[in-house]
């Protein structure tokens, strides 16, 4: 098996079965940054598998997705996900 296939399978596995959060289906394909942030917040608050605080777990999953998707993200998709970070900070009462 090539390294590329292993990497793709690894990131999909981490996103689906990470100890950070139990994610709602298709959370990262939503178009509205607020919906992404709210979904991540709900997941963080309800997850009994996370190892750190709610904000940190939610932000970690968002960053993991952005970093793993990397250059395959369109500029508009990346902007949406970056805006979701800002919205997530606001939902948790954090400063930018």
Protein backbone atom coordinates (compact mmCIF):
# COMPACT_ATOMS: atom_id res chain seq x y z
CA UNK A 1 0.00 0.00 0.00
CA UNK A 2 1.34 3.41 -0.89
CA UNK A 3 2.01 6.12 1.67
CA UNK A 4 -0.64 8.36 0.14
CA UNK A 5 -3.42 5.81 0.64
CA UNK A 6 -2.35 5.16 4.21
CA UNK A 7 -2.39 8.88 4.98
CA UNK A 8 -5.89 9.33 3.60
CA UNK A 9 -7.16 6.34 5.53
CA UNK A 10 -5.38 7.54 8.67
CA UNK A 11 -7.00 10.99 8.60
CA UNK A 12 -10.45 9.58 7.87
CA UNK A 13 -9.99 7.15 10.75
CA UNK A 14 -8.89 9.93 13.12
CA UNK A 15 -11.82 12.14 12.14
CA UNK A 16 -14.31 9.32 12.60
CA UNK A 17 -12.89 7.68 15.73
CA UNK A 18 -10.81 10.29 17.52
CA UNK A 19 -10.90 10.44 21.29
CA UNK A 20 -11.38 14.18 20.95
CA UNK A 21 -15.06 14.21 19.89
CA UNK A 22 -18.00 12.29 18.53
CA UNK A 23 -18.79 14.40 15.46
CA UNK A 24 -22.15 14.92 13.82
CA UNK A 25 -22.22 13.51 10.25
CA UNK A 26 -20.97 15.82 7.49
CA UNK A 27 -20.14 18.64 9.88
CA UNK A 28 -17.24 19.87 7.75
CA UNK A 29 -19.27 19.97 4.55
CA UNK A 30 -21.76 22.54 5.89
CA UNK A 31 -21.73 25.87 4.05
CA UNK A 32 -22.41 28.18 7.01
CA UNK A 33 -19.47 28.77 9.40
CA UNK A 34 -21.92 29.29 12.26
CA UNK A 35 -23.49 25.87 11.66
CA UNK A 36 -20.05 24.23 11.67
CA UNK A 37 -19.08 25.99 14.91
CA UNK A 38 -22.39 25.20 16.61
CA UNK A 39 -22.16 21.55 15.59
CA UNK A 40 -18.62 21.27 16.93
CA UNK A 41 -19.69 22.94 20.18
CA UNK A 42 -22.62 20.53 20.58
CA UNK A 43 -20.33 17.59 19.90
CA UNK A 44 -17.74 18.81 22.39
CA UNK A 45 -20.33 19.38 25.09
CA UNK A 46 -21.96 15.98 24.65
CA UNK A 47 -18.87 13.85 24.04
CA UNK A 48 -17.72 11.60 26.83
CA UNK A 49 -14.59 10.59 24.89
CA UNK A 50 -12.73 13.89 24.87
CA UNK A 51 -9.52 14.14 26.84
CA UNK A 52 -9.33 17.93 27.21
CA UNK A 53 -11.72 20.84 27.58
CA UNK A 54 -14.67 21.41 25.30
CA UNK A 55 -13.22 24.40 23.44
CA UNK A 56 -9.85 22.79 22.94
CA UNK A 57 -11.39 19.55 21.64
CA UNK A 58 -13.70 21.34 19.21
CA UNK A 59 -10.93 23.59 17.88
CA UNK A 60 -8.55 20.64 17.59
CA UNK A 61 -10.96 18.73 15.38
CA UNK A 62 -11.52 21.76 13.15
CA UNK A 63 -7.76 22.33 12.84
CA UNK A 64 -7.17 18.64 12.17
CA UNK A 65 -9.66 18.73 9.32
CA UNK A 66 -8.19 21.91 7.82
CA UNK A 67 -4.63 20.61 8.10
CA UNK A 68 -5.40 17.15 6.70
CA UNK A 69 -7.50 18.47 3.80
CA UNK A 70 -4.70 20.96 3.13
CA UNK A 71 -4.12 21.82 -0.47
CA UNK A 72 -7.27 19.96 -1.55
CA UNK A 73 -9.44 22.69 -0.04
CA UNK A 74 -10.64 25.42 -2.37
CA UNK A 75 -9.88 28.97 -1.24
CA UNK A 76 -13.56 29.61 -0.53
CA UNK A 77 -13.87 26.39 1.50
CA UNK A 78 -10.80 27.27 3.52
CA UNK A 79 -12.25 30.75 4.21
CA UNK A 80 -15.48 29.15 5.43
CA UNK A 81 -13.57 26.85 7.79
CA UNK A 82 -11.39 29.71 9.04
CA UNK A 83 -14.55 31.72 9.74
CA UNK A 84 -15.89 28.72 11.65
CA UNK A 85 -12.85 29.03 13.94
CA UNK A 86 -13.78 32.63 14.71
CA UNK A 87 -17.41 31.63 15.34
CA UNK A 88 -16.29 28.78 17.59
CA UNK A 89 -14.15 31.14 19.66
CA UNK A 90 -17.16 33.41 20.06
CA UNK A 91 -19.45 30.56 21.12
CA UNK A 92 -17.02 29.67 23.88
CA UNK A 93 -16.45 33.30 24.90
CA UNK A 94 -12.84 33.35 23.73
CA UNK A 95 -11.07 36.29 22.13
CA UNK A 96 -9.67 36.05 18.60
